[in-house]
Every structure is written in structure tokens, then in C-alpha cells.
């Protein structure tokens, strides 16, 4: 089954009026977090496909959306992972990065949905600041906004399992521009 069909049948694609994390408005929302939490078939299939795309020896992801995909994909690949916090905590070790990074180590970022790429760019900059080499982001859905271009401008390739246009076509609905 195609990834688009799995996402649609799992209820990951929702239509209505939504504000995205980028602040942009959209008449559809791709809720991979809830869908994989309710469907082990979807989680397994997404992680299998992510695993086919990952070429580095370590992966990273930004909390919250990417974490289930990150952990399951890293487990399937038998490689370690790093979690990037959205913000520094005021308690504990206060580090925005959970996990070890060796200078020169290649790390690929896993993300659920990319719109502008802002969260993965922040993650890439943090990882690069610790000496990691970040060349690729593997996402489930590219919303086909500015994400790929923003990442490319920093030398990062966006690899997506699906495009938003394919998802909405497969669902038989065409989103209107907002």
C-alpha cells in the first residue's frame, strides 16, 4: 500500500481550518503523531521506509513529533539517536541535546512534516555547533512550502516519503490556498 493511502486511512490527514507551527494557516493538517500512536501498522511502515532512506550512522529528531519515528527507526537500523529539545529546560542538565555527538560524526535528521523547515534548521545548527555533519533530513511529508529551499540554502537535502500534493490528490480533495 502506498504511504499516502496509509496516512489517509489512518486519519492522519484532516481537513478544516488550522494554524501550523510555522504560523501559517492551512485548510488541511497532517497529524502523524496521533496516527502512529494509534496504528502500529502505520508506525512500522513509516519507519521501514525511513530506514531505507537513512545513510548515516546516527539519527536525530526534534521533540515531539519526530520522536516516535526517530526511536523506532533507530531501533530498526540498530543505530543510536539524538533528541533535540524545542527549548532549553530550566532544570536537570539543561542541555537542548539529549545524546552523544562525536566531532565529525554524520547525523541525519528525521522529521514528521516539513513546512518551512525552521525546526529542523534549528536542530541542524545545534548539531553542527557540536561538530556533527548534517547533510540530510528525512521526513514523512513535505508540505511543499519553503522547507526544501530553506534547507538547501544551508547545504541540507530534504528527502521525503510523500508530498502534500500527493496526499491531498489521493484523498480526492484539493486544498485551497490560505
N, C-alpha and C. Protein backbone atom coordinates (compact mmCIF):
# COMPACT_ATOMS: atom_id res chain seq x y z
N UNK A 1 0.85 -1.18 0.00
CA UNK A 1 0.00 0.00 0.00
C UNK A 1 0.90 1.25 0.00
N UNK A 2 0.49 2.25 -0.74
CA UNK A 2 1.26 3.49 -0.80
C UNK A 2 1.18 4.22 0.54
N UNK A 3 2.22 4.97 0.85
CA UNK A 3 2.28 5.71 2.13
C UNK A 3 1.12 6.69 2.23
N UNK A 4 0.74 7.30 1.10
CA UNK A 4 -0.38 8.25 1.11
C UNK A 4 -1.67 7.56 1.55
N UNK A 5 -1.91 6.37 1.01
CA UNK A 5 -3.12 5.62 1.37
C UNK A 5 -3.12 5.25 2.85
N UNK A 6 -1.96 4.86 3.37
CA UNK A 6 -1.86 4.52 4.79
C UNK A 6 -2.12 5.74 5.67
N UNK A 7 -1.56 6.89 5.30
CA UNK A 7 -1.77 8.11 6.08
C UNK A 7 -3.24 8.52 6.06
N UNK A 8 -3.87 8.43 4.90
CA UNK A 8 -5.29 8.80 4.78
C UNK A 8 -6.17 7.84 5.57
N UNK A 9 -5.95 6.53 5.39
CA UNK A 9 -6.80 5.55 6.08
C UNK A 9 -6.62 5.58 7.59
N UNK A 10 -5.46 6.05 8.06
CA UNK A 10 -5.22 6.13 9.50
C UNK A 10 -5.79 7.40 10.11
N UNK A 11 -6.28 8.31 9.28
CA UNK A 11 -6.84 9.57 9.78
C UNK A 11 -5.80 10.65 9.99
N UNK A 12 -4.60 10.47 9.45
CA UNK A 12 -3.54 11.47 9.64
C UNK A 12 -3.81 12.77 8.90
N UNK A 13 -4.59 12.70 7.82
CA UNK A 13 -4.90 13.90 7.05
C UNK A 13 -6.27 14.41 7.47
N UNK A 14 -6.28 15.63 8.00
CA UNK A 14 -7.52 16.23 8.50
C UNK A 14 -7.80 17.51 7.73
N UNK A 15 -9.06 17.75 7.42
CA UNK A 15 -9.45 18.96 6.71
C UNK A 15 -10.24 19.87 7.64
N UNK A 16 -10.03 21.16 7.50
CA UNK A 16 -10.68 22.16 8.34
C UNK A 16 -9.88 23.44 8.25
N UNK A 17 -9.82 24.16 9.35
CA UNK A 17 -9.03 25.40 9.41
C UNK A 17 -8.00 25.23 10.52
N UNK A 18 -6.71 25.31 10.14
CA UNK A 18 -5.64 25.03 11.09
C UNK A 18 -4.56 26.11 11.03
N UNK A 19 -3.92 26.33 12.17
CA UNK A 19 -2.72 27.15 12.22
C UNK A 19 -1.55 26.19 12.43
N UNK A 20 -0.58 26.24 11.53
CA UNK A 20 0.58 25.36 11.60
C UNK A 20 1.62 25.92 12.57
N UNK A 21 2.60 25.11 12.94
CA UNK A 21 3.64 25.58 13.87
C UNK A 21 4.43 26.73 13.27
N UNK A 22 4.43 26.85 11.94
CA UNK A 22 5.11 27.96 11.27
C UNK A 22 4.32 29.25 11.40
N UNK A 23 3.07 29.15 11.90
CA UNK A 23 2.20 30.31 11.99
C UNK A 23 1.31 30.47 10.76
N UNK A 24 1.58 29.71 9.73
CA UNK A 24 0.79 29.78 8.50
C UNK A 24 -0.56 29.10 8.72
N UNK A 25 -1.55 29.54 7.96
CA UNK A 25 -2.88 28.95 8.01
C UNK A 25 -2.99 27.91 6.90
N UNK A 26 -3.75 26.86 7.16
CA UNK A 26 -3.94 25.81 6.17
C UNK A 26 -5.33 25.21 6.33
N UNK A 27 -5.88 24.72 5.22
CA UNK A 27 -7.18 24.05 5.30
C UNK A 27 -7.03 22.53 5.43
N UNK A 28 -5.79 22.08 5.64
CA UNK A 28 -5.58 20.67 5.97
C UNK A 28 -4.40 20.56 6.93
N UNK A 29 -4.42 19.50 7.72
CA UNK A 29 -3.40 19.26 8.74
C UNK A 29 -2.97 17.81 8.63
N UNK A 30 -1.68 17.58 8.75
CA UNK A 30 -1.16 16.22 8.69
C UNK A 30 -0.69 15.85 10.09
N UNK A 31 -1.48 15.01 10.75
CA UNK A 31 -1.25 14.67 12.16
C UNK A 31 -0.65 13.26 12.26
N UNK A 32 0.62 13.17 11.98
CA UNK A 32 1.29 11.87 12.01
C UNK A 32 1.45 11.36 13.43
N UNK A 33 1.66 12.27 14.39
CA UNK A 33 1.82 11.87 15.80
C UNK A 33 0.66 11.02 16.28
N UNK A 34 -0.54 11.53 16.12
CA UNK A 34 -1.73 10.80 16.58
C UNK A 34 -1.94 9.52 15.78
N UNK A 35 -1.68 9.58 14.48
CA UNK A 35 -1.90 8.41 13.64
C UNK A 35 -0.97 7.26 14.02
N UNK A 36 0.33 7.53 14.23
CA UNK A 36 1.24 6.43 14.57
C UNK A 36 1.01 5.94 16.00
N UNK A 37 0.48 6.82 16.87
CA UNK A 37 0.18 6.39 18.24
C UNK A 37 -0.98 5.40 18.26
N UNK A 38 -1.82 5.45 17.24
CA UNK A 38 -2.99 4.57 17.17
C UNK A 38 -2.85 3.41 16.21
N UNK A 39 -1.76 3.39 15.43
CA UNK A 39 -1.63 2.35 14.41
C UNK A 39 -0.21 1.81 14.35
N UNK A 40 -0.02 0.59 14.87
CA UNK A 40 1.31 0.00 14.79
C UNK A 40 1.68 -0.33 13.36
N UNK A 41 0.68 -0.56 12.50
CA UNK A 41 0.94 -0.84 11.08
C UNK A 41 1.55 0.40 10.43
N UNK A 42 0.96 1.56 10.70
CA UNK A 42 1.47 2.81 10.12
C UNK A 42 2.86 3.11 10.64
N UNK A 43 3.07 3.01 11.94
CA UNK A 43 4.39 3.27 12.52
C UNK A 43 5.43 2.34 11.91
N UNK A 44 5.11 1.07 11.81
CA UNK A 44 6.05 0.10 11.25
C UNK A 44 6.38 0.43 9.80
N UNK A 45 5.37 0.77 9.01
CA UNK A 45 5.60 1.06 7.59
C UNK A 45 6.40 2.35 7.41
N UNK A 46 6.05 3.39 8.15
CA UNK A 46 6.80 4.65 8.04
C UNK A 46 8.25 4.42 8.43
N UNK A 47 8.48 3.73 9.53
CA UNK A 47 9.86 3.51 9.99
C UNK A 47 10.64 2.61 9.04
N UNK A 48 9.96 1.66 8.43
CA UNK A 48 10.62 0.82 7.44
C UNK A 48 11.09 1.66 6.27
N UNK A 49 10.24 2.57 5.82
CA UNK A 49 10.59 3.42 4.68
C UNK A 49 11.64 4.46 5.05
N UNK A 50 11.56 5.00 6.25
CA UNK A 50 12.61 5.92 6.72
C UNK A 50 13.94 5.19 6.76
N UNK A 51 13.92 3.96 7.28
CA UNK A 51 15.15 3.17 7.40
C UNK A 51 15.80 2.92 6.04
N UNK A 52 15.01 2.81 5.00
CA UNK A 52 15.55 2.64 3.65
C UNK A 52 16.26 3.89 3.15
N UNK A 53 15.90 5.04 3.69
CA UNK A 53 16.47 6.31 3.23
C UNK A 53 17.69 6.76 4.04
N UNK A 54 17.78 6.35 5.29
CA UNK A 54 18.87 6.81 6.16
C UNK A 54 20.19 6.19 5.73
N UNK A 55 21.21 7.04 5.60
CA UNK A 55 22.54 6.57 5.21
C UNK A 55 23.59 6.83 6.28
N UNK A 56 23.27 7.66 7.27
CA UNK A 56 24.23 7.99 8.32
C UNK A 56 24.20 6.95 9.43
N UNK A 57 25.21 7.00 10.29
CA UNK A 57 25.31 6.06 11.39
C UNK A 57 24.61 6.50 12.65
N UNK A 58 23.96 7.66 12.60
CA UNK A 58 23.20 8.17 13.74
C UNK A 58 22.11 9.07 13.20
N UNK A 59 20.98 9.11 13.90
CA UNK A 59 19.87 9.97 13.51
C UNK A 59 19.48 10.87 14.68
N UNK A 60 18.82 11.97 14.34
CA UNK A 60 18.36 12.93 15.35
C UNK A 60 16.94 13.35 14.99
N UNK A 61 16.23 13.85 15.99
CA UNK A 61 14.88 14.35 15.75
C UNK A 61 14.50 15.37 16.79
N UNK A 62 13.58 16.24 16.41
CA UNK A 62 13.10 17.31 17.28
C UNK A 62 11.87 16.82 18.03
N UNK A 63 11.86 17.07 19.36
CA UNK A 63 10.66 16.73 20.12
C UNK A 63 9.49 17.54 19.59
N UNK A 64 8.41 17.13 19.56
CA UNK A 64 7.71 15.94 19.97
C UNK A 64 7.39 15.05 18.78
N UNK A 65 7.04 15.66 17.67
CA UNK A 65 6.52 14.89 16.54
C UNK A 65 7.42 13.82 16.00
N UNK A 66 8.71 14.08 15.96
CA UNK A 66 9.62 13.12 15.34
C UNK A 66 10.04 11.98 16.26
N UNK A 67 9.83 12.12 17.55
CA UNK A 67 10.42 11.18 18.50
C UNK A 67 9.96 9.72 18.31
N UNK A 68 8.67 9.44 18.14
CA UNK A 68 8.30 8.03 17.91
C UNK A 68 8.96 7.47 16.65
N UNK A 69 9.00 8.27 15.59
CA UNK A 69 9.62 7.84 14.33
C UNK A 69 11.12 7.66 14.51
N UNK A 70 11.73 8.58 15.22
CA UNK A 70 13.16 8.55 15.48
C UNK A 70 13.55 7.29 16.24
N UNK A 71 12.89 7.05 17.35
CA UNK A 71 13.24 5.91 18.20
C UNK A 71 13.00 4.58 17.48
N UNK A 72 11.87 4.45 16.80
CA UNK A 72 11.56 3.20 16.11
C UNK A 72 12.50 2.97 14.92
N UNK A 73 12.82 4.03 14.18
CA UNK A 73 13.73 3.90 13.04
C UNK A 73 15.14 3.56 13.50
N UNK A 74 15.60 4.23 14.53
CA UNK A 74 16.95 3.94 15.06
C UNK A 74 17.03 2.51 15.55
N UNK A 75 15.99 2.04 16.22
CA UNK A 75 15.94 0.66 16.69
C UNK A 75 16.01 -0.31 15.51
N UNK A 76 15.19 -0.03 14.47
CA UNK A 76 15.17 -0.90 13.28
C UNK A 76 16.54 -0.92 12.58
N UNK A 77 17.22 0.21 12.57
CA UNK A 77 18.52 0.31 11.92
C UNK A 77 19.67 -0.18 12.82
N UNK A 78 19.40 -0.28 14.12
CA UNK A 78 20.45 -0.67 15.06
C UNK A 78 21.49 0.42 15.27
N UNK A 79 21.03 1.68 15.23
CA UNK A 79 21.95 2.81 15.41
C UNK A 79 21.46 3.72 16.53
N UNK A 80 22.36 4.51 17.10
CA UNK A 80 21.94 5.43 18.17
C UNK A 80 21.21 6.65 17.62
N UNK A 81 20.54 7.35 18.54
CA UNK A 81 19.83 8.56 18.13
C UNK A 81 20.05 9.68 19.14
N UNK A 82 19.72 10.87 18.69
CA UNK A 82 19.87 12.09 19.49
C UNK A 82 18.53 12.82 19.44
N UNK A 83 18.09 13.32 20.58
CA UNK A 83 16.85 14.10 20.65
C UNK A 83 17.22 15.57 20.81
N UNK A 84 16.57 16.42 20.02
CA UNK A 84 16.75 17.86 20.12
C UNK A 84 15.51 18.44 20.79
N UNK A 85 15.71 19.10 21.92
CA UNK A 85 14.58 19.73 22.60
C UNK A 85 14.19 21.01 21.86
N UNK A 86 12.90 21.33 21.92
CA UNK A 86 12.44 22.56 21.28
C UNK A 86 12.97 23.79 22.00
N UNK A 87 13.15 23.63 23.30
CA UNK A 87 13.70 24.73 24.08
C UNK A 87 14.50 24.18 25.25
N UNK A 88 15.44 24.97 25.69
CA UNK A 88 16.29 24.57 26.81
C UNK A 88 15.46 24.51 28.08
N UNK A 89 15.67 23.50 28.89
CA UNK A 89 14.94 23.33 30.14
C UNK A 89 15.63 24.11 31.26
N UNK A 90 14.85 24.53 32.24
CA UNK A 90 15.39 25.27 33.38
C UNK A 90 15.83 24.33 34.50
N UNK A 91 15.70 23.03 34.29
CA UNK A 91 16.05 22.06 35.32
C UNK A 91 16.94 20.97 34.72
N UNK A 92 17.43 20.10 35.58
CA UNK A 92 18.27 18.99 35.11
C UNK A 92 19.56 19.50 34.49
N UNK A 93 20.00 18.84 33.43
CA UNK A 93 21.26 19.24 32.78
C UNK A 93 21.08 20.43 31.85
N UNK A 94 19.85 20.80 31.57
CA UNK A 94 19.51 21.99 30.78
C UNK A 94 20.00 21.97 29.34
N UNK A 95 20.51 20.86 28.89
CA UNK A 95 21.07 20.76 27.55
C UNK A 95 19.95 20.59 26.52
N UNK A 96 19.98 21.34 25.42
CA UNK A 96 18.95 21.16 24.40
C UNK A 96 19.14 19.88 23.58
N UNK A 97 20.28 19.22 23.76
CA UNK A 97 20.56 17.98 23.02
C UNK A 97 20.67 16.82 24.00
N UNK A 98 19.91 15.77 23.74
CA UNK A 98 19.96 14.56 24.54
C UNK A 98 20.64 13.48 23.69
N UNK A 99 21.79 13.03 24.12
CA UNK A 99 22.55 12.02 23.38
C UNK A 99 23.96 12.53 23.10
N UNK A 100 24.81 11.61 22.71
CA UNK A 100 26.22 11.94 22.47
C UNK A 100 26.49 12.25 21.01
N UNK A 101 27.37 13.22 20.79
CA UNK A 101 27.78 13.60 19.44
C UNK A 101 29.30 13.65 19.41
N UNK A 102 29.86 12.95 18.44
CA UNK A 102 31.31 12.98 18.24
C UNK A 102 31.63 13.97 17.13
N UNK A 103 32.67 14.79 17.29
CA UNK A 103 33.04 15.72 16.22
C UNK A 103 33.29 14.98 14.90
N UNK A 104 32.71 15.51 13.83
CA UNK A 104 32.86 14.90 12.50
C UNK A 104 31.86 13.79 12.21
N UNK A 105 31.06 13.42 13.18
CA UNK A 105 30.08 12.35 13.01
C UNK A 105 28.92 12.83 12.12
N UNK A 106 28.55 11.98 11.16
CA UNK A 106 27.43 12.32 10.28
C UNK A 106 26.12 11.90 10.94
N UNK A 107 25.20 12.85 11.00
CA UNK A 107 23.89 12.62 11.61
C UNK A 107 22.82 13.10 10.65
N UNK A 108 21.79 12.29 10.43
CA UNK A 108 20.65 12.70 9.62
C UNK A 108 19.48 12.97 10.55
N UNK A 109 18.69 13.98 10.19
CA UNK A 109 17.54 14.37 11.00
C UNK A 109 16.29 13.72 10.43
N UNK A 110 15.47 13.17 11.32
CA UNK A 110 14.18 12.58 10.95
C UNK A 110 13.09 13.55 11.44
N UNK A 111 12.11 13.81 10.57
CA UNK A 111 11.02 14.72 10.90
C UNK A 111 9.72 14.15 10.37
N UNK A 112 8.62 14.49 11.04
CA UNK A 112 7.33 14.00 10.55
C UNK A 112 6.85 14.83 9.36
N UNK A 113 6.69 16.14 9.55
CA UNK A 113 6.19 17.01 8.49
C UNK A 113 7.09 18.24 8.40
N UNK A 114 7.47 18.61 7.18
CA UNK A 114 8.28 19.81 6.97
C UNK A 114 7.46 20.83 6.18
N UNK A 115 7.35 22.03 6.75
CA UNK A 115 6.67 23.13 6.06
C UNK A 115 7.72 24.16 5.66
N UNK A 116 8.20 24.94 6.62
CA UNK A 116 9.26 25.91 6.33
C UNK A 116 10.64 25.35 6.64
N UNK A 117 10.69 24.29 7.42
CA UNK A 117 11.96 23.70 7.81
C UNK A 117 12.61 24.36 9.01
N UNK A 118 11.92 25.29 9.65
CA UNK A 118 12.52 26.06 10.75
C UNK A 118 13.00 25.17 11.90
N UNK A 119 12.20 24.21 12.32
CA UNK A 119 12.60 23.39 13.46
C UNK A 119 13.78 22.48 13.13
N UNK A 120 13.81 21.93 11.91
CA UNK A 120 14.95 21.07 11.56
C UNK A 120 16.20 21.90 11.28
N UNK A 121 16.03 23.13 10.81
CA UNK A 121 17.20 24.00 10.64
C UNK A 121 17.82 24.35 11.98
N UNK A 122 16.98 24.63 12.97
CA UNK A 122 17.48 24.90 14.32
C UNK A 122 18.23 23.68 14.85
N UNK A 123 17.64 22.50 14.64
CA UNK A 123 18.29 21.26 15.08
C UNK A 123 19.62 21.06 14.38
N UNK A 124 19.65 21.27 13.07
CA UNK A 124 20.89 21.11 12.30
C UNK A 124 21.96 22.06 12.80
N UNK A 125 21.59 23.28 13.10
CA UNK A 125 22.56 24.27 13.60
C UNK A 125 23.10 23.86 14.97
N UNK A 126 22.22 23.34 15.83
CA UNK A 126 22.68 22.87 17.14
C UNK A 126 23.65 21.69 16.99
N UNK A 127 23.29 20.75 16.13
CA UNK A 127 24.15 19.58 15.91
C UNK A 127 25.48 20.00 15.30
N UNK A 128 25.44 20.88 14.32
CA UNK A 128 26.67 21.37 13.69
C UNK A 128 27.52 22.13 14.70
N UNK A 129 26.87 22.84 15.61
CA UNK A 129 27.59 23.55 16.66
C UNK A 129 28.37 22.62 17.58
N UNK A 130 27.96 21.37 17.63
CA UNK A 130 28.65 20.35 18.44
C UNK A 130 29.64 19.54 17.60
N UNK A 131 29.80 19.93 16.33
CA UNK A 131 30.77 19.24 15.48
C UNK A 131 30.21 18.19 14.56
N UNK A 132 28.88 17.96 14.58
CA UNK A 132 28.28 16.96 13.71
C UNK A 132 28.22 17.47 12.27
N UNK A 133 28.18 16.52 11.36
CA UNK A 133 27.98 16.82 9.94
C UNK A 133 26.53 16.48 9.62
N UNK A 134 25.76 17.49 9.20
CA UNK A 134 24.35 17.28 8.88
C UNK A 134 24.15 17.66 7.42
N UNK A 135 23.81 16.65 6.61
CA UNK A 135 23.62 16.87 5.17
C UNK A 135 22.22 16.54 4.69
N UNK A 136 21.45 15.78 5.52
CA UNK A 136 20.15 15.33 5.05
C UNK A 136 19.11 15.36 6.16
N UNK A 137 17.86 15.62 5.73
CA UNK A 137 16.69 15.49 6.58
C UNK A 137 15.76 14.52 5.86
N UNK A 138 15.29 13.51 6.58
CA UNK A 138 14.33 12.56 6.03
C UNK A 138 13.01 12.82 6.73
N UNK A 139 12.00 13.18 5.94
CA UNK A 139 10.68 13.46 6.53
C UNK A 139 9.63 12.56 5.92
N UNK A 140 8.52 12.43 6.62
CA UNK A 140 7.41 11.64 6.11
C UNK A 140 6.67 12.43 5.04
N UNK A 141 6.34 13.70 5.35
CA UNK A 141 5.60 14.52 4.39
C UNK A 141 6.26 15.88 4.24
N UNK A 142 6.52 16.25 3.00
CA UNK A 142 6.98 17.59 2.64
C UNK A 142 5.73 18.36 2.22
N UNK A 143 5.39 19.42 2.96
CA UNK A 143 4.20 20.21 2.62
C UNK A 143 4.42 21.06 1.38
N UNK A 144 5.63 21.00 0.82
CA UNK A 144 5.95 21.71 -0.42
C UNK A 144 5.82 23.23 -0.27
N UNK A 145 6.24 23.70 0.88
CA UNK A 145 6.29 25.13 1.14
C UNK A 145 7.74 25.55 0.92
N UNK A 146 8.30 26.28 1.85
CA UNK A 146 9.68 26.78 1.70
C UNK A 146 10.72 25.84 2.29
N UNK A 147 10.31 24.74 2.90
CA UNK A 147 11.22 23.86 3.61
C UNK A 147 12.41 23.36 2.81
N UNK A 148 12.16 22.78 1.66
CA UNK A 148 13.25 22.22 0.85
C UNK A 148 14.24 23.31 0.46
N UNK A 149 13.75 24.46 0.06
CA UNK A 149 14.64 25.56 -0.32
C UNK A 149 15.42 26.13 0.84
N UNK A 150 14.76 26.27 1.99
CA UNK A 150 15.45 26.77 3.18
C UNK A 150 16.56 25.82 3.62
N UNK A 151 16.29 24.53 3.56
CA UNK A 151 17.30 23.53 3.93
C UNK A 151 18.44 23.53 2.91
N UNK A 152 18.09 23.58 1.64
CA UNK A 152 19.10 23.58 0.58
C UNK A 152 20.05 24.76 0.72
N UNK A 153 19.53 25.91 1.15
CA UNK A 153 20.38 27.10 1.30
C UNK A 153 21.44 26.91 2.38
N UNK A 154 21.25 25.90 3.23
CA UNK A 154 22.24 25.59 4.27
C UNK A 154 22.93 24.26 3.99
N UNK A 155 22.86 23.81 2.75
CA UNK A 155 23.56 22.59 2.34
C UNK A 155 22.94 21.31 2.84
N UNK A 156 21.62 21.33 3.05
CA UNK A 156 20.93 20.14 3.56
C UNK A 156 19.88 19.70 2.54
N UNK A 157 19.92 18.42 2.20
CA UNK A 157 18.95 17.84 1.27
C UNK A 157 17.72 17.37 2.04
N UNK A 158 16.55 17.66 1.50
CA UNK A 158 15.31 17.16 2.07
C UNK A 158 14.86 15.94 1.28
N UNK A 159 14.76 14.81 1.98
CA UNK A 159 14.28 13.56 1.39
C UNK A 159 12.92 13.30 2.01
N UNK A 160 11.88 13.17 1.19
CA UNK A 160 10.54 12.96 1.74
C UNK A 160 9.94 11.66 1.23
N UNK A 161 9.18 11.01 2.11
CA UNK A 161 8.47 9.80 1.72
C UNK A 161 7.24 10.14 0.89
N UNK A 162 6.69 11.34 1.12
CA UNK A 162 5.48 11.76 0.42
C UNK A 162 5.46 13.28 0.33
N UNK A 163 4.71 13.78 -0.61
CA UNK A 163 4.49 15.21 -0.78
C UNK A 163 3.04 15.50 -0.43
N UNK A 164 2.79 16.68 0.10
CA UNK A 164 1.43 17.06 0.47
C UNK A 164 0.49 17.00 -0.72
N UNK A 165 0.96 17.41 -1.89
CA UNK A 165 0.10 17.38 -3.07
C UNK A 165 -0.35 15.95 -3.41
N UNK A 166 0.54 14.98 -3.20
CA UNK A 166 0.17 13.58 -3.44
C UNK A 166 -0.86 13.10 -2.42
N UNK A 167 -0.71 13.56 -1.19
CA UNK A 167 -1.66 13.18 -0.14
C UNK A 167 -3.06 13.70 -0.42
N UNK A 168 -3.14 14.98 -0.77
CA UNK A 168 -4.47 15.53 -0.99
C UNK A 168 -5.10 14.99 -2.28
N UNK A 169 -4.28 14.70 -3.29
CA UNK A 169 -4.82 14.07 -4.51
C UNK A 169 -5.35 12.68 -4.20
N UNK A 170 -4.59 11.92 -3.42
CA UNK A 170 -5.00 10.56 -3.07
C UNK A 170 -6.29 10.57 -2.24
N UNK A 171 -6.51 11.66 -1.51
CA UNK A 171 -7.69 11.78 -0.68
C UNK A 171 -8.89 12.34 -1.47
N UNK A 172 -8.61 12.80 -2.70
CA UNK A 172 -9.69 13.32 -3.52
C UNK A 172 -10.11 14.72 -3.17
N UNK A 173 -9.29 15.42 -2.39
CA UNK A 173 -9.61 16.81 -2.03
C UNK A 173 -8.44 17.68 -2.42
N UNK A 174 -8.73 18.86 -2.86
CA UNK A 174 -7.69 19.80 -3.24
C UNK A 174 -7.75 20.97 -2.26
N UNK A 175 -6.66 21.22 -1.54
CA UNK A 175 -6.70 22.33 -0.59
C UNK A 175 -6.71 23.67 -1.31
N UNK A 176 -7.35 24.63 -0.70
CA UNK A 176 -7.31 25.97 -1.25
C UNK A 176 -6.17 26.72 -0.58
N UNK A 177 -5.65 27.70 -1.26
CA UNK A 177 -4.55 28.50 -0.71
C UNK A 177 -5.08 29.41 0.39
N UNK A 178 -4.32 29.57 1.46
CA UNK A 178 -4.73 30.47 2.55
C UNK A 178 -3.67 31.50 2.77
